[in-house]
Amino acid sequence: MTERLLRVRTGRQPHEVAILVASVALGIVGTVLPQRISPAIAAEFDMFWGRAFWIALVLFAGVTLYGIYRRRIEGLLIERAGLTVMAALYGTYIYASLAVNGLDGVTSIALPLSFVVANLARCWQIRTDLVLMSSYLKEHPGVDLR
C-alpha cells in the first residue's frame, strides 16, 4: 500500500518535465548567447549576473529533473527545492521583461508567469503529500518509505 501511494504521489508530469527540459536548453543557449536569447535579461543585468541567471536556470532545472526521477521522499524534497528556485528565476525574468518593456512586455511574461504559478502549486501539492505520508507513518510506525 505505501509503495503504491508513494509511487502515485511522486508521479512524473509530462508537462513539467517538458518545461524543465526546455529550461535547460534555454539556459545553455542563454549562457552562450545572452543578448540573443533574452534582451531583457541582458539589458537589466550586467554580463556576470546575466550569465549567472542562465547558469542557475540550467542547474536548477537539472536539480528539479533529478528530484522528479529520484522518486521517494528525497525526490519530493529535491523537486520542491528546485521548483522553488525555478519560480524565483522565472520571477526574475518576469521582472526584467517588465522593467525593460513596460506593459508592452505583458505578452512575453504570460507563459513564465503560468510556470511560476504552476511551480508554486506543485510545491503546495508536495507539501500536502509529505504531510499525508507523515501522518500515515505516525499511524503505521514500522513502515519504511525510503
C-alpha atoms as a PDB file:
ATOM      1  CA  MET A   1       0.000   0.000   0.000  1.00  0.00           C
ATOM      2  CA  THR A   2       2.636   2.559   0.970  1.00  0.00           C
ATOM      3  CA  GLU A   3       4.764   1.709  -2.065  1.00  0.00           C
ATOM      4  CA  ARG A   4       1.791   2.325  -4.352  1.00  0.00           C
ATOM      5  CA  LEU A   5       0.855   5.536  -2.509  1.00  0.00           C
ATOM      6  CA  LEU A   6       4.386   6.852  -2.801  1.00  0.00           C
ATOM      7  CA  ARG A   7       4.632   5.918  -6.477  1.00  0.00           C
ATOM      8  CA  VAL A   8       1.357   7.658  -7.306  1.00  0.00           C
ATOM      9  CA  ARG A   9       2.181  10.825  -5.368  1.00  0.00           C
ATOM     10  CA  THR A  10       5.636  11.194  -6.942  1.00  0.00           C
ATOM     11  CA  GLY A  11       4.438  10.636 -10.498  1.00  0.00           C
ATOM     12  CA  ARG A  12       6.220  12.401 -13.317  1.00  0.00           C
ATOM     13  CA  GLN A  13       4.114  15.056 -15.003  1.00  0.00           C
ATOM     14  CA  PRO A  14       4.943  15.245 -18.747  1.00  0.00           C
ATOM     15  CA  HIS A  15       4.299  18.995 -18.978  1.00  0.00           C
ATOM     16  CA  GLU A  16       6.559  19.688 -16.001  1.00  0.00           C
ATOM     17  CA  VAL A  17       9.342  17.552 -17.464  1.00  0.00           C
ATOM     18  CA  ALA A  18       8.978  19.204 -20.889  1.00  0.00           C
ATOM     19  CA  ILE A  19       9.190  22.722 -19.441  1.00  0.00           C
ATOM     20  CA  LEU A  20      12.220  21.781 -17.349  1.00  0.00           C
ATOM     21  CA  VAL A  21      13.992  20.273 -20.369  1.00  0.00           C
ATOM     22  CA  ALA A  22      13.171  23.446 -22.329  1.00  0.00           C
ATOM     23  CA  SER A  23      14.569  25.482 -19.420  1.00  0.00           C
ATOM     24  CA  VAL A  24      17.837  23.541 -19.605  1.00  0.00           C
ATOM     25  CA  ALA A  25      18.044  24.219 -23.354  1.00  0.00           C
ATOM     26  CA  LEU A  26      17.204  27.917 -22.915  1.00  0.00           C
ATOM     27  CA  GLY A  27      19.755  28.214 -20.127  1.00  0.00           C
ATOM     28  CA  ILE A  28      22.510  26.679 -22.245  1.00  0.00           C
ATOM     29  CA  VAL A  29      21.765  28.967 -25.192  1.00  0.00           C
ATOM     30  CA  GLY A  30      21.376  31.948 -22.847  1.00  0.00           C
ATOM     31  CA  THR A  31      24.771  31.275 -21.315  1.00  0.00           C
ATOM     32  CA  VAL A  32      26.409  31.271 -24.751  1.00  0.00           C
ATOM     33  CA  LEU A  33      24.295  33.964 -26.437  1.00  0.00           C
ATOM     34  CA  PRO A  34      22.775  36.094 -23.665  1.00  0.00           C
ATOM     35  CA  GLN A  35      21.926  39.080 -25.903  1.00  0.00           C
ATOM     36  CA  ARG A  36      20.123  36.916 -28.457  1.00  0.00           C
ATOM     37  CA  ILE A  37      18.036  34.742 -26.157  1.00  0.00           C
ATOM     38  CA  SER A  38      16.647  37.490 -23.907  1.00  0.00           C
ATOM     39  CA  PRO A  39      17.424  41.132 -24.492  1.00  0.00           C
ATOM     40  CA  ALA A  40      15.504  41.907 -21.280  1.00  0.00           C
ATOM     41  CA  ILE A  41      17.881  39.886 -19.078  1.00  0.00           C
ATOM     42  CA  ALA A  42      20.884  41.295 -20.956  1.00  0.00           C
ATOM     43  CA  ALA A  43      19.611  44.871 -20.568  1.00  0.00           C
ATOM     44  CA  GLU A  44      18.611  44.589 -16.916  1.00  0.00           C
ATOM     45  CA  PHE A  45      21.679  42.746 -15.591  1.00  0.00           C
ATOM     46  CA  ASP A  46      25.367  43.105 -16.310  1.00  0.00           C
ATOM     47  CA  MET A  47      27.223  40.298 -18.079  1.00  0.00           C
ATOM     48  CA  PHE A  48      28.163  38.463 -14.859  1.00  0.00           C
ATOM     49  CA  TRP A  49      24.648  38.411 -13.372  1.00  0.00           C
ATOM     50  CA  GLY A  50      23.091  37.679 -16.745  1.00  0.00           C
ATOM     51  CA  ARG A  51      25.265  34.601 -17.200  1.00  0.00           C
ATOM     52  CA  ALA A  52      24.676  33.627 -13.570  1.00  0.00           C
ATOM     53  CA  PHE A  53      20.934  33.728 -14.278  1.00  0.00           C
ATOM     54  CA  TRP A  54      21.247  31.391 -17.279  1.00  0.00           C
ATOM     55  CA  ILE A  55      23.619  29.020 -15.488  1.00  0.00           C
ATOM     56  CA  ALA A  56      21.254  28.898 -12.490  1.00  0.00           C
ATOM     57  CA  LEU A  57      18.390  28.102 -14.866  1.00  0.00           C
ATOM     58  CA  VAL A  58      20.317  25.106 -16.241  1.00  0.00           C
ATOM     59  CA  LEU A  59      21.471  23.979 -12.811  1.00  0.00           C
ATOM     60  CA  PHE A  60      18.131  24.158 -11.008  1.00  0.00           C
ATOM     61  CA  ALA A  61      16.121  22.768 -13.905  1.00  0.00           C
ATOM     62  CA  GLY A  62      18.547  19.830 -13.757  1.00  0.00           C
ATOM     63  CA  VAL A  63      18.175  19.559  -9.977  1.00  0.00           C
ATOM     64  CA  THR A  64      14.389  19.561 -10.333  1.00  0.00           C
ATOM     65  CA  LEU A  65      14.518  16.880 -13.035  1.00  0.00           C
ATOM     66  CA  TYR A  66      16.779  14.815 -10.792  1.00  0.00           C
ATOM     67  CA  GLY A  67      14.241  15.150  -7.984  1.00  0.00           C
ATOM     68  CA  ILE A  68      11.399  14.095 -10.267  1.00  0.00           C
ATOM     69  CA  TYR A  69      13.213  10.964 -11.387  1.00  0.00           C
ATOM     70  CA  ARG A  70      14.671  10.212  -7.940  1.00  0.00           C
ATOM     71  CA  ARG A  71      11.262   9.206  -6.586  1.00  0.00           C
ATOM     72  CA  ARG A  72      10.708   8.538  -2.908  1.00  0.00           C
ATOM     73  CA  ILE A  73      10.535  11.208  -0.232  1.00  0.00           C
ATOM     74  CA  GLU A  74      14.004  12.566  -1.007  1.00  0.00           C
ATOM     75  CA  GLY A  75      12.922  13.086  -4.600  1.00  0.00           C
ATOM     76  CA  LEU A  76       9.918  15.113  -3.469  1.00  0.00           C
ATOM     77  CA  LEU A  77      12.118  17.302  -1.297  1.00  0.00           C
ATOM     78  CA  ILE A  78      14.644  17.839  -4.096  1.00  0.00           C
ATOM     79  CA  GLU A  79      11.855  18.570  -6.593  1.00  0.00           C
ATOM     80  CA  ARG A  80      10.240  21.076  -4.236  1.00  0.00           C
ATOM     81  CA  ALA A  81      13.542  22.881  -3.636  1.00  0.00           C
ATOM     82  CA  GLY A  82      14.280  23.003  -7.358  1.00  0.00           C
ATOM     83  CA  LEU A  83      10.794  24.252  -8.223  1.00  0.00           C
ATOM     84  CA  THR A  84      11.052  26.979  -5.606  1.00  0.00           C
ATOM     85  CA  VAL A  85      14.290  28.288  -7.130  1.00  0.00           C
ATOM     86  CA  MET A  86      12.878  27.893 -10.655  1.00  0.00           C
ATOM     87  CA  ALA A  87       9.871  30.008  -9.631  1.00  0.00           C
ATOM     88  CA  ALA A  88      12.269  32.678  -8.358  1.00  0.00           C
ATOM     89  CA  LEU A  89      14.316  32.555 -11.578  1.00  0.00           C
ATOM     90  CA  TYR A  90      11.262  32.872 -13.778  1.00  0.00           C
ATOM     91  CA  GLY A  91      10.053  35.640 -11.458  1.00  0.00           C
ATOM     92  CA  THR A  92      13.351  37.399 -12.161  1.00  0.00           C
ATOM     93  CA  TYR A  93      12.732  37.006 -15.887  1.00  0.00           C
ATOM     94  CA  ILE A  94       9.244  38.498 -15.463  1.00  0.00           C
ATOM     95  CA  TYR A  95      10.714  41.438 -13.544  1.00  0.00           C
ATOM     96  CA  ALA A  96      13.367  42.058 -16.219  1.00  0.00           C
ATOM     97  CA  SER A  97      10.878  41.830 -19.044  1.00  0.00           C
ATOM     98  CA  LEU A  98       8.503  44.308 -17.414  1.00  0.00           C
ATOM     99  CA  ALA A  99      11.350  46.621 -16.388  1.00  0.00           C
ATOM    100  CA  VAL A 100      12.725  46.784 -19.919  1.00  0.00           C
ATOM    101  CA  ASN A 101       9.485  46.597 -21.946  1.00  0.00           C
ATOM    102  CA  GLY A 102       6.887  48.022 -19.568  1.00  0.00           C
ATOM    103  CA  LEU A 103       3.348  46.944 -20.311  1.00  0.00           C
ATOM    104  CA  ASP A 104       4.439  46.003 -23.836  1.00  0.00           C
ATOM    105  CA  GLY A 105       6.192  43.056 -22.174  1.00  0.00           C
ATOM    106  CA  VAL A 106       2.975  41.563 -20.789  1.00  0.00           C
ATOM    107  CA  THR A 107       2.639  39.070 -23.632  1.00  0.00           C
ATOM    108  CA  SER A 108       6.211  37.879 -23.108  1.00  0.00           C
ATOM    109  CA  ILE A 109       5.540  37.057 -19.455  1.00  0.00           C
ATOM    110  CA  ALA A 110       2.330  35.032 -19.842  1.00  0.00           C
ATOM    111  CA  LEU A 111       3.991  31.609 -20.064  1.00  0.00           C
ATOM    112  CA  PRO A 112       6.714  32.295 -17.487  1.00  0.00           C
ATOM    113  CA  LEU A 113       4.058  33.610 -15.093  1.00  0.00           C
ATOM    114  CA  SER A 114       1.988  30.466 -15.657  1.00  0.00           C
ATOM    115  CA  PHE A 115       5.069  28.359 -14.918  1.00  0.00           C
ATOM    116  CA  VAL A 116       5.698  30.276 -11.676  1.00  0.00           C
ATOM    117  CA  VAL A 117       2.112  29.704 -10.557  1.00  0.00           C
ATOM    118  CA  ALA A 118       2.297  26.024 -11.557  1.00  0.00           C
ATOM    119  CA  ASN A 119       5.592  25.612  -9.658  1.00  0.00           C
ATOM    120  CA  LEU A 120       4.126  27.108  -6.518  1.00  0.00           C
ATOM    121  CA  ALA A 121       1.020  24.914  -6.862  1.00  0.00           C
ATOM    122  CA  ARG A 122       3.229  21.827  -7.243  1.00  0.00           C
ATOM    123  CA  CYS A 123       5.244  22.881  -4.161  1.00  0.00           C
ATOM    124  CA  TRP A 124       1.973  23.106  -2.234  1.00  0.00           C
ATOM    125  CA  GLN A 125       0.966  19.671  -3.537  1.00  0.00           C
ATOM    126  CA  ILE A 126       4.310  18.195  -2.457  1.00  0.00           C
ATOM    127  CA  ARG A 127       3.873  19.742   0.994  1.00  0.00           C
ATOM    128  CA  THR A 128       0.409  18.198   1.253  1.00  0.00           C
ATOM    129  CA  ASP A 129       1.749  14.817   0.106  1.00  0.00           C
ATOM    130  CA  LEU A 130       4.545  14.910   2.667  1.00  0.00           C
ATOM    131  CA  VAL A 131       2.083  15.756   5.445  1.00  0.00           C
ATOM    132  CA  LEU A 132      -0.126  12.869   4.291  1.00  0.00           C
ATOM    133  CA  MET A 133       2.818  10.450   4.314  1.00  0.00           C
ATOM    134  CA  SER A 134       3.968  11.730   7.685  1.00  0.00           C
ATOM    135  CA  SER A 135       0.563  11.119   9.236  1.00  0.00           C
ATOM    136  CA  TYR A 136       0.478   7.655   7.651  1.00  0.00           C
ATOM    137  CA  LEU A 137       3.872   6.857   9.155  1.00  0.00           C
ATOM    138  CA  LYS A 138       2.707   8.004  12.584  1.00  0.00           C
ATOM    139  CA  GLU A 139      -0.226   5.604  12.345  1.00  0.00           C
ATOM    140  CA  HIS A 140       1.981   2.787  10.967  1.00  0.00           C
ATOM    141  CA  PRO A 141       5.321   3.195  12.777  1.00  0.00           C
ATOM    142  CA  GLY A 142       7.048   0.109  11.344  1.00  0.00           C
ATOM    143  CA  VAL A 143       6.747   1.147   7.670  1.00  0.00           C
ATOM    144  CA  ASP A 144       9.894   2.335   5.893  1.00  0.00           C
ATOM    145  CA  LEU A 145       9.326   4.695   2.939  1.00  0.00           C
ATOM    146  CA  ARG A 146      12.943   5.197   1.994  1.00  0.00           C
END
